[in-house]
Amino acid sequence: MLTPEEVAEINLLNQFNLSNTREGLKIHDHDASPETVAAAARLHERGLTSLPDGGYLTSLGLDAAEHAQTLITILRTR
């Protein structure tokens, strides 16, 4: 079973645009939920993103985002 923290991290990985790796994310404390802000920090701590508030995907982060987005696509296919 996934923890709420892992779900938040997967949701954040799914927001990255994989067709343009030069497009990152910026997580603003005043706009994002505390769960999203914390997820962004954890992804950075694990080396998946370039900055604690989003940034760009690292090589490892790109792999993770590709897998996360593929899984969501598979699950949503009828």
C-alpha atoms as a PDB file:
ATOM      1  CA  MET A   1       0.000   0.000   0.000  1.00  0.00           C
ATOM      2  CA  LEU A   2       1.258   3.475  -0.855  1.00  0.00           C
ATOM      3  CA  THR A   3       1.644   6.077   1.858  1.00  0.00           C
ATOM      4  CA  PRO A   4       0.044   9.517   1.436  1.00  0.00           C
ATOM      5  CA  GLU A   5       3.577  10.908   1.062  1.00  0.00           C
ATOM      6  CA  GLU A   6       4.352   8.531  -1.815  1.00  0.00           C
ATOM      7  CA  VAL A   7       1.067   9.407  -3.526  1.00  0.00           C
ATOM      8  CA  ALA A   8       1.947  13.116  -3.276  1.00  0.00           C
ATOM      9  CA  GLU A   9       5.368  12.435  -4.794  1.00  0.00           C
ATOM     10  CA  ILE A  10       3.874  10.418  -7.665  1.00  0.00           C
ATOM     11  CA  ASN A  11       1.294  13.155  -8.276  1.00  0.00           C
ATOM     12  CA  LEU A  12       4.095  15.706  -8.481  1.00  0.00           C
ATOM     13  CA  LEU A  13       6.131  13.540 -10.872  1.00  0.00           C
ATOM     14  CA  ASN A  14       3.049  13.313 -13.071  1.00  0.00           C
ATOM     15  CA  GLN A  15       2.987  17.090 -13.451  1.00  0.00           C
ATOM     16  CA  PHE A  16       6.306  17.230 -15.300  1.00  0.00           C
ATOM     17  CA  ASN A  17       6.100  17.679 -19.068  1.00  0.00           C
ATOM     18  CA  LEU A  18       8.122  14.775 -20.456  1.00  0.00           C
ATOM     19  CA  SER A  19       7.999  16.101 -24.007  1.00  0.00           C
ATOM     20  CA  ASN A  20      10.043  19.151 -22.943  1.00  0.00           C
ATOM     21  CA  THR A  21      12.707  18.395 -20.329  1.00  0.00           C
ATOM     22  CA  ARG A  22      13.665  22.079 -20.264  1.00  0.00           C
ATOM     23  CA  GLU A  23      10.316  22.821 -18.661  1.00  0.00           C
ATOM     24  CA  GLY A  24      10.433  22.460 -14.905  1.00  0.00           C
ATOM     25  CA  LEU A  25       8.068  23.065 -12.021  1.00  0.00           C
ATOM     26  CA  LYS A  26       8.046  25.805  -9.411  1.00  0.00           C
ATOM     27  CA  ILE A  27       6.233  24.953  -6.183  1.00  0.00           C
ATOM     28  CA  HIS A  28       5.193  28.110  -4.344  1.00  0.00           C
ATOM     29  CA  ASP A  29       4.627  27.830  -0.587  1.00  0.00           C
ATOM     30  CA  HIS A  30       1.710  30.266  -0.763  1.00  0.00           C
ATOM     31  CA  ASP A  31      -0.077  28.430  -3.620  1.00  0.00           C
ATOM     32  CA  ALA A  32       0.677  24.758  -3.048  1.00  0.00           C
ATOM     33  CA  SER A  33      -0.585  22.506  -0.301  1.00  0.00           C
ATOM     34  CA  PRO A  34       1.832  21.637   2.513  1.00  0.00           C
ATOM     35  CA  GLU A  35       1.784  18.037   1.217  1.00  0.00           C
ATOM     36  CA  THR A  36       2.948  19.170  -2.230  1.00  0.00           C
ATOM     37  CA  VAL A  37       5.671  21.402  -0.793  1.00  0.00           C
ATOM     38  CA  ALA A  38       6.930  18.505   1.336  1.00  0.00           C
ATOM     39  CA  ALA A  39       6.761  16.098  -1.633  1.00  0.00           C
ATOM     40  CA  ALA A  40       8.874  18.476  -3.723  1.00  0.00           C
ATOM     41  CA  ALA A  41      11.483  18.649  -0.968  1.00  0.00           C
ATOM     42  CA  ARG A  42      11.597  14.843  -0.653  1.00  0.00           C
ATOM     43  CA  LEU A  43      12.011  14.395  -4.412  1.00  0.00           C
ATOM     44  CA  HIS A  44      14.947  16.798  -4.288  1.00  0.00           C
ATOM     45  CA  GLU A  45      16.476  15.004  -1.280  1.00  0.00           C
ATOM     46  CA  ARG A  46      16.331  11.755  -3.277  1.00  0.00           C
ATOM     47  CA  GLY A  47      18.053  13.371  -6.238  1.00  0.00           C
ATOM     48  CA  LEU A  48      15.038  13.349  -8.562  1.00  0.00           C
ATOM     49  CA  THR A  49      14.775  17.122  -9.011  1.00  0.00           C
ATOM     50  CA  SER A  50      17.283  19.940  -9.204  1.00  0.00           C
ATOM     51  CA  LEU A  51      15.713  22.159  -6.524  1.00  0.00           C
ATOM     52  CA  PRO A  52      13.784  21.604  -3.281  1.00  0.00           C
ATOM     53  CA  ASP A  53      10.869  23.648  -4.664  1.00  0.00           C
ATOM     54  CA  GLY A  54      10.648  21.780  -7.965  1.00  0.00           C
ATOM     55  CA  GLY A  55      13.118  22.770 -10.625  1.00  0.00           C
ATOM     56  CA  TYR A  56      14.019  20.318 -13.343  1.00  0.00           C
ATOM     57  CA  LEU A  57      14.097  16.548 -13.381  1.00  0.00           C
ATOM     58  CA  THR A  58      17.470  14.926 -12.980  1.00  0.00           C
ATOM     59  CA  SER A  59      18.311  11.833 -15.013  1.00  0.00           C
ATOM     60  CA  LEU A  60      16.951   9.655 -12.206  1.00  0.00           C
ATOM     61  CA  GLY A  61      13.914  11.913 -11.883  1.00  0.00           C
ATOM     62  CA  LEU A  62      13.205  11.625 -15.599  1.00  0.00           C
ATOM     63  CA  ASP A  63      13.227   7.833 -15.301  1.00  0.00           C
ATOM     64  CA  ALA A  64      10.886   8.000 -12.296  1.00  0.00           C
ATOM     65  CA  ALA A  65       8.508  10.451 -13.991  1.00  0.00           C
ATOM     66  CA  GLU A  66       8.390   8.318 -17.136  1.00  0.00           C
ATOM     67  CA  HIS A  67       7.473   5.250 -15.083  1.00  0.00           C
ATOM     68  CA  ALA A  68       4.922   7.151 -12.995  1.00  0.00           C
ATOM     69  CA  GLN A  69       3.249   8.652 -16.041  1.00  0.00           C
ATOM     70  CA  THR A  70       3.239   5.327 -17.878  1.00  0.00           C
ATOM     71  CA  LEU A  71       1.586   3.661 -14.886  1.00  0.00           C
ATOM     72  CA  ILE A  72      -1.131   6.306 -14.740  1.00  0.00           C
ATOM     73  CA  THR A  73      -1.735   5.925 -18.482  1.00  0.00           C
ATOM     74  CA  ILE A  74      -2.072   2.155 -18.120  1.00  0.00           C
ATOM     75  CA  LEU A  75      -4.414   2.429 -15.147  1.00  0.00           C
ATOM     76  CA  ARG A  76      -6.634   4.953 -16.923  1.00  0.00           C
ATOM     77  CA  THR A  77      -6.920   2.877 -20.097  1.00  0.00           C
ATOM     78  CA  ARG A  78     -10.219   1.067 -20.368  1.00  0.00           C
END
